[in-house]
Amino acid sequence: MNEENEVRSTEQEVPVRLFARSRKYEKPSVDMSQVVGNCDILFICLDTLRYDVAVQEEASGGTPVLNQYGTWQKCQAPGNFTYPSHHAMFAGFLPSRFDAKNVTDRELLFFPKAIGLGKKVPEGAYGFSGSTIMEGLEKDGYDTWCVGGVAFFDKRSDLGKVFPSYFQKSYWNPSFGCPVKESTQNQVDFILHKLSNADAEKHIFLYLNVDAIHYPNYFYLEGAAGDSVLSHAAALRYVDGELGRLFAEWKRLRGETFVICCSDHGTCYGEDGCQFHGINHPIVNTVPYKHFFI
């Protein structure tokens, strides 16, 4: 490296170093240092759920179970389809609030200690070692479970094996898939069966990918011939009832549990000529998020 390039390189590094030293992350609304090691953790992804539909059903009373646990927060999606969003979320980068202007504006429940984020764990966050939340929690004694839904979790292809491989125990069968009208019921039935035989002395981290809201969802709306915003909303109402069963039995068998519930991305039904997701559109990039205790 010649002298000119060396000077230029040094000048470029100074602002980065200053930013790393000066950044101060927002303190989480829940102290994860008190959650981890004391509670089970449920991470429920309502795959493809639009923010506007979630809020609409919240206001109309269509989701009485989820309404018990606070209002939806408007957030930015980590990605515009399942694969990038989950890589981000599993590394601790959950949806960030919609009005965030800076990386430090995000509420970090989970903090990956190995990456260049200043490396000092923010107050209230859970600092984990390893490449994923699950790897960190496993090191801290958690049993990590995955119950899949969409094809990225179905383990029948090399791509579908990636996410399940992050967990100690991963489950998928065709009855959990998007084309099955009873998919969420089948997932919840399966989880509750497994839960009844789980080690009561070992905390569980469960990731559940709920795919009923993903296309196809027309069969949740009587008489519908194709997917629409209305059938998307009907699918959410169906899912809400099944989550009620999951929460009630989990609480009975396991006690107080921390729940993260969000969407990974939204989806379009003709807005501005756009269809579905995997594209950057405000409806795709805006998602509902909440966390709470049961």
C-alpha atoms as a PDB file:
ATOM      1  CA  MET A   1       0.000   0.000   0.000  1.00  0.00           C
ATOM      2  CA  ASN A   2       1.466   3.363  -0.952  1.00  0.00           C
ATOM      3  CA  GLU A   3       1.430   6.363   1.360  1.00  0.00           C
ATOM      4  CA  GLU A   4      -1.560   8.032  -0.340  1.00  0.00           C
ATOM      5  CA  ASN A   5      -3.733   4.913  -0.054  1.00  0.00           C
ATOM      6  CA  GLU A   6      -2.632   4.394   3.541  1.00  0.00           C
ATOM      7  CA  VAL A   7      -3.753   7.912   4.475  1.00  0.00           C
ATOM      8  CA  ARG A   8      -7.071   7.518   2.676  1.00  0.00           C
ATOM      9  CA  SER A   9      -7.699   4.186   4.426  1.00  0.00           C
ATOM     10  CA  THR A  10      -6.978   5.712   7.841  1.00  0.00           C
ATOM     11  CA  GLU A  11      -9.313   8.651   7.185  1.00  0.00           C
ATOM     12  CA  GLN A  12     -12.131   6.289   6.233  1.00  0.00           C
ATOM     13  CA  GLU A  13     -11.675   4.199   9.373  1.00  0.00           C
ATOM     14  CA  VAL A  14     -11.872   7.090  11.860  1.00  0.00           C
ATOM     15  CA  PRO A  15     -15.643   7.798  11.513  1.00  0.00           C
ATOM     16  CA  VAL A  16     -16.368   4.075  11.770  1.00  0.00           C
ATOM     17  CA  ARG A  17     -14.381   3.767  14.996  1.00  0.00           C
ATOM     18  CA  LEU A  18     -15.995   6.859  16.451  1.00  0.00           C
ATOM     19  CA  PHE A  19     -19.465   5.556  15.555  1.00  0.00           C
ATOM     20  CA  ALA A  20     -18.738   2.181  17.167  1.00  0.00           C
ATOM     21  CA  ARG A  21     -17.652   3.876  20.400  1.00  0.00           C
ATOM     22  CA  SER A  22     -20.518   6.373  20.513  1.00  0.00           C
ATOM     23  CA  ARG A  23     -23.477   4.166  19.568  1.00  0.00           C
ATOM     24  CA  LYS A  24     -26.051   3.578  22.287  1.00  0.00           C
ATOM     25  CA  TYR A  25     -28.812   1.109  21.566  1.00  0.00           C
ATOM     26  CA  GLU A  26     -32.363   1.581  22.752  1.00  0.00           C
ATOM     27  CA  LYS A  27     -33.014  -0.332  25.978  1.00  0.00           C
ATOM     28  CA  PRO A  28     -35.469  -3.173  25.308  1.00  0.00           C
ATOM     29  CA  SER A  29     -38.951  -3.005  26.807  1.00  0.00           C
ATOM     30  CA  VAL A  30     -38.277  -6.385  28.424  1.00  0.00           C
ATOM     31  CA  ASP A  31     -35.088  -7.403  30.240  1.00  0.00           C
ATOM     32  CA  MET A  32     -33.933 -10.442  28.314  1.00  0.00           C
ATOM     33  CA  SER A  33     -31.264 -11.187  30.897  1.00  0.00           C
ATOM     34  CA  GLN A  34     -34.169 -12.041  33.212  1.00  0.00           C
ATOM     35  CA  VAL A  35     -36.054 -14.015  30.553  1.00  0.00           C
ATOM     36  CA  VAL A  36     -33.242 -16.290  29.384  1.00  0.00           C
ATOM     37  CA  GLY A  37     -32.679 -19.029  31.920  1.00  0.00           C
ATOM     38  CA  ASN A  38     -36.000 -18.423  33.669  1.00  0.00           C
ATOM     39  CA  CYS A  39     -38.655 -18.888  30.952  1.00  0.00           C
ATOM     40  CA  ASP A  40     -39.480 -20.872  27.877  1.00  0.00           C
ATOM     41  CA  ILE A  41     -39.427 -18.739  24.723  1.00  0.00           C
ATOM     42  CA  LEU A  42     -41.914 -19.082  21.859  1.00  0.00           C
ATOM     43  CA  PHE A  43     -41.034 -17.394  18.570  1.00  0.00           C
ATOM     44  CA  ILE A  44     -44.128 -17.447  16.372  1.00  0.00           C
ATOM     45  CA  CYS A  45     -43.845 -16.205  12.806  1.00  0.00           C
ATOM     46  CA  LEU A  46     -47.185 -15.517  11.156  1.00  0.00           C
ATOM     47  CA  ASP A  47     -45.618 -15.971   7.752  1.00  0.00           C
ATOM     48  CA  THR A  48     -46.655 -13.332   5.179  1.00  0.00           C
ATOM     49  CA  LEU A  49     -49.056 -11.433   7.475  1.00  0.00           C
ATOM     50  CA  ARG A  50     -49.669  -7.865   6.313  1.00  0.00           C
ATOM     51  CA  TYR A  51     -49.565  -5.083   8.895  1.00  0.00           C
ATOM     52  CA  ASP A  52     -52.751  -3.405   7.620  1.00  0.00           C
ATOM     53  CA  VAL A  53     -54.731  -6.649   7.856  1.00  0.00           C
ATOM     54  CA  ALA A  54     -53.394  -7.405  11.342  1.00  0.00           C
ATOM     55  CA  VAL A  55     -54.470  -3.962  12.572  1.00  0.00           C
ATOM     56  CA  GLN A  56     -57.844  -4.235  10.845  1.00  0.00           C
ATOM     57  CA  GLU A  57     -58.611  -7.534  12.563  1.00  0.00           C
ATOM     58  CA  GLU A  58     -57.334  -6.200  15.869  1.00  0.00           C
ATOM     59  CA  ALA A  59     -59.719  -3.228  15.653  1.00  0.00           C
ATOM     60  CA  SER A  60     -62.732  -5.313  14.582  1.00  0.00           C
ATOM     61  CA  GLY A  61     -62.213  -7.960  17.273  1.00  0.00           C
ATOM     62  CA  GLY A  62     -61.378 -10.642  14.727  1.00  0.00           C
ATOM     63  CA  THR A  63     -58.319 -11.763  16.691  1.00  0.00           C
ATOM     64  CA  PRO A  64     -59.475 -11.975  20.334  1.00  0.00           C
ATOM     65  CA  VAL A  65     -56.552 -14.177  21.424  1.00  0.00           C
ATOM     66  CA  LEU A  66     -53.792 -11.947  20.097  1.00  0.00           C
ATOM     67  CA  ASN A  67     -55.692  -8.848  21.216  1.00  0.00           C
ATOM     68  CA  GLN A  68     -55.225  -9.960  24.836  1.00  0.00           C
ATOM     69  CA  TYR A  69     -51.509  -9.320  24.536  1.00  0.00           C
ATOM     70  CA  GLY A  70     -51.296  -5.703  23.423  1.00  0.00           C
ATOM     71  CA  THR A  71     -51.502  -3.857  20.140  1.00  0.00           C
ATOM     72  CA  TRP A  72     -49.472  -4.548  17.037  1.00  0.00           C
ATOM     73  CA  GLN A  73     -46.358  -2.466  16.546  1.00  0.00           C
ATOM     74  CA  LYS A  74     -45.734  -1.194  13.011  1.00  0.00           C
ATOM     75  CA  CYS A  75     -42.300  -2.421  11.927  1.00  0.00           C
ATOM     76  CA  GLN A  76     -39.920  -2.729   9.007  1.00  0.00           C
ATOM     77  CA  ALA A  77     -39.528  -6.263   7.670  1.00  0.00           C
ATOM     78  CA  PRO A  78     -36.002  -7.702   7.762  1.00  0.00           C
ATOM     79  CA  GLY A  79     -36.435  -8.909   4.156  1.00  0.00           C
ATOM     80  CA  ASN A  80     -39.005  -9.137   1.387  1.00  0.00           C
ATOM     81  CA  PHE A  81     -39.510 -12.911   1.497  1.00  0.00           C
ATOM     82  CA  THR A  82     -39.051 -15.791   3.927  1.00  0.00           C
ATOM     83  CA  TYR A  83     -35.432 -16.740   3.286  1.00  0.00           C
ATOM     84  CA  PRO A  84     -33.656 -13.392   3.872  1.00  0.00           C
ATOM     85  CA  SER A  85     -36.023 -12.399   6.674  1.00  0.00           C
ATOM     86  CA  HIS A  86     -35.344 -15.544   8.657  1.00  0.00           C
ATOM     87  CA  HIS A  87     -31.598 -15.382   8.258  1.00  0.00           C
ATOM     88  CA  ALA A  88     -31.796 -11.906   9.808  1.00  0.00           C
ATOM     89  CA  MET A  89     -34.242 -12.839  12.570  1.00  0.00           C
ATOM     90  CA  PHE A  90     -32.388 -16.001  13.558  1.00  0.00           C
ATOM     91  CA  ALA A  91     -29.255 -13.853  13.938  1.00  0.00           C
ATOM     92  CA  GLY A  92     -31.137 -11.560  16.339  1.00  0.00           C
ATOM     93  CA  PHE A  93     -32.271  -8.851  13.929  1.00  0.00           C
ATOM     94  CA  LEU A  94     -36.028  -8.907  14.477  1.00  0.00           C
ATOM     95  CA  PRO A  95     -38.320  -6.434  12.694  1.00  0.00           C
ATOM     96  CA  SER A  96     -37.340  -2.892  13.668  1.00  0.00           C
ATOM     97  CA  ARG A  97     -39.793  -0.127  14.407  1.00  0.00           C
ATOM     98  CA  PHE A  98     -41.153   1.586  11.334  1.00  0.00           C
ATOM     99  CA  ASP A  99     -39.835   5.056  12.161  1.00  0.00           C
ATOM    100  CA  ALA A 100     -36.267   3.918  12.914  1.00  0.00           C
ATOM    101  CA  LYS A 101     -33.685   6.270  11.417  1.00  0.00           C
ATOM    102  CA  ASN A 102     -30.529   4.541  12.592  1.00  0.00           C
ATOM    103  CA  VAL A 103     -29.368   1.013  13.439  1.00  0.00           C
ATOM    104  CA  THR A 104     -29.297   2.029  17.096  1.00  0.00           C
ATOM    105  CA  ASP A 105     -33.034   2.822  17.001  1.00  0.00           C
ATOM    106  CA  ARG A 106     -33.899  -0.859  16.844  1.00  0.00           C
ATOM    107  CA  GLU A 107     -34.929  -2.732  19.972  1.00  0.00           C
ATOM    108  CA  LEU A 108     -32.351  -5.489  20.319  1.00  0.00           C
ATOM    109  CA  LEU A 109     -33.726  -8.347  22.402  1.00  0.00           C
ATOM    110  CA  PHE A 110     -30.938 -10.585  21.135  1.00  0.00           C
ATOM    111  CA  PHE A 111     -27.398  -9.337  20.536  1.00  0.00           C
ATOM    112  CA  PRO A 112     -24.883 -11.334  18.476  1.00  0.00           C
ATOM    113  CA  LYS A 113     -21.673 -10.776  20.402  1.00  0.00           C
ATOM    114  CA  ALA A 114     -19.371 -11.933  17.615  1.00  0.00           C
ATOM    115  CA  ILE A 115     -20.351  -9.335  15.016  1.00  0.00           C
ATOM    116  CA  GLY A 116     -19.098  -5.755  14.611  1.00  0.00           C
ATOM    117  CA  LEU A 117     -21.792  -3.944  16.584  1.00  0.00           C
ATOM    118  CA  GLY A 118     -19.482  -2.512  19.200  1.00  0.00           C
ATOM    119  CA  LYS A 119     -19.334  -5.985  20.832  1.00  0.00           C
ATOM    120  CA  LYS A 120     -20.598  -4.625  24.152  1.00  0.00           C
ATOM    121  CA  VAL A 121     -23.993  -6.162  24.929  1.00  0.00           C
ATOM    122  CA  PRO A 122     -26.611  -3.398  25.293  1.00  0.00           C
ATOM    123  CA  GLU A 123     -28.424  -3.143  28.588  1.00  0.00           C
ATOM    124  CA  GLY A 124     -31.379  -5.522  28.758  1.00  0.00           C
ATOM    125  CA  ALA A 125     -30.401  -7.561  25.686  1.00  0.00           C
ATOM    126  CA  TYR A 126     -29.417 -11.220  25.656  1.00  0.00           C
ATOM    127  CA  GLY A 127     -25.907 -11.452  24.276  1.00  0.00           C
ATOM    128  CA  PHE A 128     -25.481 -14.792  22.546  1.00  0.00           C
ATOM    129  CA  SER A 129     -22.466 -16.669  21.285  1.00  0.00           C
ATOM    130  CA  GLY A 130     -22.539 -18.481  17.961  1.00  0.00           C
ATOM    131  CA  SER A 131     -24.134 -17.792  14.611  1.00  0.00           C
ATOM    132  CA  THR A 132     -27.813 -17.886  15.659  1.00  0.00           C
ATOM    133  CA  ILE A 133     -30.067 -17.213  18.627  1.00  0.00           C
ATOM    134  CA  MET A 134     -30.698 -20.943  18.828  1.00  0.00           C
ATOM    135  CA  GLU A 135     -27.018 -21.801  19.010  1.00  0.00           C
ATOM    136  CA  GLY A 136     -26.577 -19.308  21.837  1.00  0.00           C
ATOM    137  CA  LEU A 137     -29.594 -20.563  23.754  1.00  0.00           C
ATOM    138  CA  GLU A 138     -28.491 -24.173  23.311  1.00  0.00           C
ATOM    139  CA  LYS A 139     -25.166 -23.263  24.922  1.00  0.00           C
ATOM    140  CA  ASP A 140     -27.158 -21.810  27.806  1.00  0.00           C
ATOM    141  CA  GLY A 141     -29.108 -25.020  28.337  1.00  0.00           C
ATOM    142  CA  TYR A 142     -32.190 -24.591  26.133  1.00  0.00           C
ATOM    143  CA  ASP A 143     -33.778 -27.321  24.071  1.00  0.00           C
ATOM    144  CA  THR A 144     -34.394 -25.730  20.645  1.00  0.00           C
ATOM    145  CA  TRP A 145     -37.367 -26.848  18.558  1.00  0.00           C
ATOM    146  CA  CYS A 146     -38.559 -25.902  15.075  1.00  0.00           C
ATOM    147  CA  VAL A 147     -42.012 -26.725  13.704  1.00  0.00           C
ATOM    148  CA  GLY A 148     -41.976 -25.759  10.054  1.00  0.00           C
ATOM    149  CA  GLY A 149     -44.618 -24.571   7.656  1.00  0.00           C
ATOM    150  CA  VAL A 150     -43.574 -23.049   4.320  1.00  0.00           C
ATOM    151  CA  ALA A 151     -41.274 -24.910   1.928  1.00  0.00           C
ATOM    152  CA  PHE A 152     -38.107 -23.330   3.367  1.00  0.00           C
ATOM    153  CA  PHE A 153     -38.669 -25.587   6.404  1.00  0.00           C
ATOM    154  CA  ASP A 154     -39.950 -28.790   4.819  1.00  0.00           C
ATOM    155  CA  LYS A 155     -36.584 -30.656   4.678  1.00  0.00           C
ATOM    156  CA  ARG A 156     -37.410 -32.363   1.362  1.00  0.00           C
ATOM    157  CA  SER A 157     -34.820 -30.282  -0.487  1.00  0.00           C
ATOM    158  CA  ASP A 158     -31.319 -29.077   0.312  1.00  0.00           C
ATOM    159  CA  LEU A 159     -32.663 -25.522   0.657  1.00  0.00           C
ATOM    160  CA  GLY A 160     -35.469 -26.739   2.896  1.00  0.00           C
ATOM    161  CA  LYS A 161     -32.936 -28.305   5.263  1.00  0.00           C
ATOM    162  CA  VAL A 162     -31.011 -25.097   5.990  1.00  0.00           C
ATOM    163  CA  PHE A 163     -33.238 -23.519   8.649  1.00  0.00           C
ATOM    164  CA  PRO A 164     -34.209 -26.789  10.381  1.00  0.00           C
ATOM    165  CA  SER A 165     -30.494 -27.579  10.777  1.00  0.00           C
ATOM    166  CA  TYR A 166     -30.169 -24.626  13.174  1.00  0.00           C
ATOM    167  CA  PHE A 167     -32.283 -26.435  15.773  1.00  0.00           C
ATOM    168  CA  GLN A 168     -31.676 -29.468  17.976  1.00  0.00           C
ATOM    169  CA  LYS A 169     -35.115 -30.818  17.049  1.00  0.00           C
ATOM    170  CA  SER A 170     -36.935 -29.930  13.837  1.00  0.00           C
ATOM    171  CA  TYR A 171     -40.266 -31.192  12.548  1.00  0.00           C
ATOM    172  CA  TRP A 172     -42.241 -30.947   9.339  1.00  0.00           C
ATOM    173  CA  ASN A 173     -44.760 -33.115   7.549  1.00  0.00           C
ATOM    174  CA  PRO A 174     -47.089 -32.484   4.599  1.00  0.00           C
ATOM    175  CA  SER A 175     -50.057 -31.783   6.881  1.00  0.00           C
ATOM    176  CA  PHE A 176     -48.221 -28.606   8.012  1.00  0.00           C
ATOM    177  CA  GLY A 177     -47.905 -27.278   4.438  1.00  0.00           C
ATOM    178  CA  CYS A 178     -49.488 -24.204   2.857  1.00  0.00           C
ATOM    179  CA  PRO A 179     -52.083 -26.068   0.727  1.00  0.00           C
ATOM    180  CA  VAL A 180     -53.610 -27.756   3.802  1.00  0.00           C
ATOM    181  CA  LYS A 181     -56.553 -25.859   5.242  1.00  0.00           C
ATOM    182  CA  GLU A 182     -56.041 -27.360   8.722  1.00  0.00           C
ATOM    183  CA  SER A 183     -52.268 -26.684   8.738  1.00  0.00           C
ATOM    184  CA  THR A 184     -52.190 -24.598  11.921  1.00  0.00           C
ATOM    185  CA  GLN A 185     -54.466 -27.004  13.776  1.00  0.00           C
ATOM    186  CA  ASN A 186     -52.145 -29.834  12.762  1.00  0.00           C
ATOM    187  CA  GLN A 187     -49.074 -27.923  13.901  1.00  0.00           C
ATOM    188  CA  VAL A 188     -50.602 -27.075  17.283  1.00  0.00           C
ATOM    189  CA  ASP A 189     -51.815 -30.642  17.820  1.00  0.00           C
ATOM    190  CA  PHE A 190     -48.302 -31.907  17.082  1.00  0.00           C
ATOM    191  CA  ILE A 191     -46.640 -29.378  19.414  1.00  0.00           C
ATOM    192  CA  LEU A 192     -48.983 -30.168  22.285  1.00  0.00           C
ATOM    193  CA  HIS A 193     -48.316 -33.884  21.883  1.00  0.00           C
ATOM    194  CA  LYS A 194     -44.564 -33.268  22.012  1.00  0.00           C
ATOM    195  CA  LEU A 195     -44.967 -30.872  24.919  1.00  0.00           C
ATOM    196  CA  SER A 196     -46.765 -33.441  27.046  1.00  0.00           C
ATOM    197  CA  ASN A 197     -43.605 -35.576  26.950  1.00  0.00           C
ATOM    198  CA  ALA A 198     -41.047 -32.785  27.277  1.00  0.00           C
ATOM    199  CA  ASP A 199     -38.495 -32.566  30.062  1.00  0.00           C
ATOM    200  CA  ALA A 200     -40.051 -30.272  32.672  1.00  0.00           C
ATOM    201  CA  GLU A 201     -36.609 -29.311  33.978  1.00  0.00           C
ATOM    202  CA  LYS A 202     -35.263 -28.048  30.649  1.00  0.00           C
ATOM    203  CA  HIS A 203     -36.312 -24.738  29.105  1.00  0.00           C
ATOM    204  CA  ILE A 204     -37.577 -24.791  25.512  1.00  0.00           C
ATOM    205  CA  PHE A 205     -37.088 -22.335  22.672  1.00  0.00           C
ATOM    206  CA  LEU A 206     -39.781 -23.115  20.098  1.00  0.00           C
ATOM    207  CA  TYR A 207     -39.895 -21.547  16.651  1.00  0.00           C
ATOM    208  CA  LEU A 208     -43.249 -22.040  14.903  1.00  0.00           C
ATOM    209  CA  ASN A 209     -43.691 -21.072  11.257  1.00  0.00           C
ATOM    210  CA  VAL A 210     -47.436 -20.551  10.733  1.00  0.00           C
ATOM    211  CA  ASP A 211     -48.084 -20.716   6.997  1.00  0.00           C
ATOM    212  CA  ALA A 212     -51.897 -20.592   6.833  1.00  0.00           C
ATOM    213  CA  ILE A 213     -51.826 -16.871   5.965  1.00  0.00           C
ATOM    214  CA  HIS A 214     -49.391 -17.495   3.088  1.00  0.00           C
ATOM    215  CA  TYR A 215     -50.892 -18.319  -0.278  1.00  0.00           C
ATOM    216  CA  PRO A 216     -53.063 -20.246  -0.962  1.00  0.00           C
ATOM    217  CA  ASN A 217     -55.534 -18.894   1.602  1.00  0.00           C
ATOM    218  CA  TYR A 218     -58.743 -18.585  -0.440  1.00  0.00           C
ATOM    219  CA  PHE A 219     -60.276 -21.639   1.275  1.00  0.00           C
ATOM    220  CA  TYR A 220     -60.645 -19.725   4.564  1.00  0.00           C
ATOM    221  CA  LEU A 221     -63.251 -17.459   2.918  1.00  0.00           C
ATOM    222  CA  GLU A 222     -66.448 -19.208   1.942  1.00  0.00           C
ATOM    223  CA  GLY A 223     -67.141 -19.004  -1.786  1.00  0.00           C
ATOM    224  CA  ALA A 224     -63.772 -17.466  -2.690  1.00  0.00           C
ATOM    225  CA  ALA A 225     -62.186 -18.631  -5.948  1.00  0.00           C
ATOM    226  CA  GLY A 226     -58.806 -17.002  -5.362  1.00  0.00           C
ATOM    227  CA  ASP A 227     -56.625 -15.337  -2.767  1.00  0.00           C
ATOM    228  CA  SER A 228     -57.353 -11.756  -1.732  1.00  0.00           C
ATOM    229  CA  VAL A 229     -56.983  -9.362   1.175  1.00  0.00           C
ATOM    230  CA  LEU A 230     -60.313 -10.711   2.483  1.00  0.00           C
ATOM    231  CA  SER A 231     -59.163 -14.340   2.470  1.00  0.00           C
ATOM    232  CA  HIS A 232     -55.832 -13.246   3.990  1.00  0.00           C
ATOM    233  CA  ALA A 233     -57.817 -11.730   6.884  1.00  0.00           C
ATOM    234  CA  ALA A 234     -59.982 -14.847   7.199  1.00  0.00           C
ATOM    235  CA  ALA A 235     -56.824 -16.958   7.472  1.00  0.00           C
ATOM    236  CA  LEU A 236     -55.566 -14.749  10.307  1.00  0.00           C
ATOM    237  CA  ARG A 237     -58.840 -15.232  12.186  1.00  0.00           C
ATOM    238  CA  TYR A 238     -58.455 -19.003  11.827  1.00  0.00           C
ATOM    239  CA  VAL A 239     -54.858 -18.859  13.094  1.00  0.00           C
ATOM    240  CA  ASP A 240     -55.867 -16.749  16.107  1.00  0.00           C
ATOM    241  CA  GLY A 241     -58.182 -19.469  17.367  1.00  0.00           C
ATOM    242  CA  GLU A 242     -55.476 -22.116  17.096  1.00  0.00           C
ATOM    243  CA  LEU A 243     -52.959 -19.918  18.928  1.00  0.00           C
ATOM    244  CA  GLY A 244     -55.457 -19.709  21.770  1.00  0.00           C
ATOM    245  CA  ARG A 245     -55.202 -23.477  22.208  1.00  0.00           C
ATOM    246  CA  LEU A 246     -51.408 -23.363  22.060  1.00  0.00           C
ATOM    247  CA  PHE A 247     -51.060 -20.568  24.613  1.00  0.00           C
ATOM    248  CA  ALA A 248     -53.540 -22.045  27.088  1.00  0.00           C
ATOM    249  CA  GLU A 249     -51.941 -25.494  27.134  1.00  0.00           C
ATOM    250  CA  TRP A 250     -48.373 -24.166  27.107  1.00  0.00           C
ATOM    251  CA  LYS A 251     -49.157 -22.014  30.125  1.00  0.00           C
ATOM    252  CA  ARG A 252     -50.804 -24.940  31.938  1.00  0.00           C
ATOM    253  CA  LEU A 253     -47.916 -27.308  31.333  1.00  0.00           C
ATOM    254  CA  ARG A 254     -44.920 -24.956  31.376  1.00  0.00           C
ATOM    255  CA  GLY A 255     -45.787 -21.823  33.339  1.00  0.00           C
ATOM    256  CA  GLU A 256     -44.774 -18.287  32.452  1.00  0.00           C
ATOM    257  CA  THR A 257     -43.430 -18.054  28.913  1.00  0.00           C
ATOM    258  CA  PHE A 258     -42.074 -15.219  26.781  1.00  0.00           C
ATOM    259  CA  VAL A 259     -43.602 -14.941  23.297  1.00  0.00           C
ATOM    260  CA  ILE A 260     -42.334 -13.130  20.220  1.00  0.00           C
ATOM    261  CA  CYS A 261     -45.019 -12.905  17.545  1.00  0.00           C
ATOM    262  CA  CYS A 262     -44.478 -11.201  14.204  1.00  0.00           C
ATOM    263  CA  SER A 263     -44.587 -11.475  10.450  1.00  0.00           C
ATOM    264  CA  ASP A 264     -41.508 -11.884   8.287  1.00  0.00           C
ATOM    265  CA  HIS A 265     -42.913  -9.854   5.361  1.00  0.00           C
ATOM    266  CA  GLY A 266     -46.215  -8.773   3.882  1.00  0.00           C
ATOM    267  CA  THR A 267     -47.710  -9.586   0.489  1.00  0.00           C
ATOM    268  CA  CYS A 268     -49.527  -7.744  -2.313  1.00  0.00           C
ATOM    269  CA  TYR A 269     -52.858  -8.517  -3.915  1.00  0.00           C
ATOM    270  CA  GLY A 270     -52.702  -6.208  -6.921  1.00  0.00           C
ATOM    271  CA  GLU A 271     -51.637  -2.948  -5.231  1.00  0.00           C
ATOM    272  CA  ASP A 272     -49.761  -0.842  -7.831  1.00  0.00           C
ATOM    273  CA  GLY A 273     -49.899  -3.867 -10.109  1.00  0.00           C
ATOM    274  CA  CYS A 274     -47.871  -5.969  -7.657  1.00  0.00           C
ATOM    275  CA  GLN A 275     -48.588  -9.568  -6.742  1.00  0.00           C
ATOM    276  CA  PHE A 276     -47.423 -11.434  -3.643  1.00  0.00           C
ATOM    277  CA  HIS A 277     -43.913 -10.820  -2.245  1.00  0.00           C
ATOM    278  CA  GLY A 278     -40.207 -11.175  -2.997  1.00  0.00           C
ATOM    279  CA  ILE A 279     -40.374  -7.564  -4.203  1.00  0.00           C
ATOM    280  CA  ASN A 280     -39.890  -4.271  -2.405  1.00  0.00           C
ATOM    281  CA  HIS A 281     -43.262  -2.619  -1.953  1.00  0.00           C
ATOM    282  CA  PRO A 282     -44.479  -0.764   1.185  1.00  0.00           C
ATOM    283  CA  ILE A 283     -47.037  -3.485   1.887  1.00  0.00           C
ATOM    284  CA  VAL A 284     -44.357  -6.195   1.636  1.00  0.00           C
ATOM    285  CA  ASN A 285     -41.852  -4.214   3.695  1.00  0.00           C
ATOM    286  CA  THR A 286     -44.244  -3.374   6.577  1.00  0.00           C
ATOM    287  CA  VAL A 287     -45.037  -6.002   9.193  1.00  0.00           C
ATOM    288  CA  PRO A 288     -46.797  -6.365  12.570  1.00  0.00           C
ATOM    289  CA  TYR A 289     -44.779  -7.237  15.670  1.00  0.00           C
ATOM    290  CA  LYS A 290     -45.429  -7.753  19.382  1.00  0.00           C
ATOM    291  CA  HIS A 291     -43.875  -9.564  22.314  1.00  0.00           C
ATOM    292  CA  PHE A 292     -45.514 -10.519  25.575  1.00  0.00           C
ATOM    293  CA  PHE A 293     -45.676 -13.019  28.429  1.00  0.00           C
ATOM    294  CA  ILE A 294     -48.231 -15.783  28.838  1.00  0.00           C
END
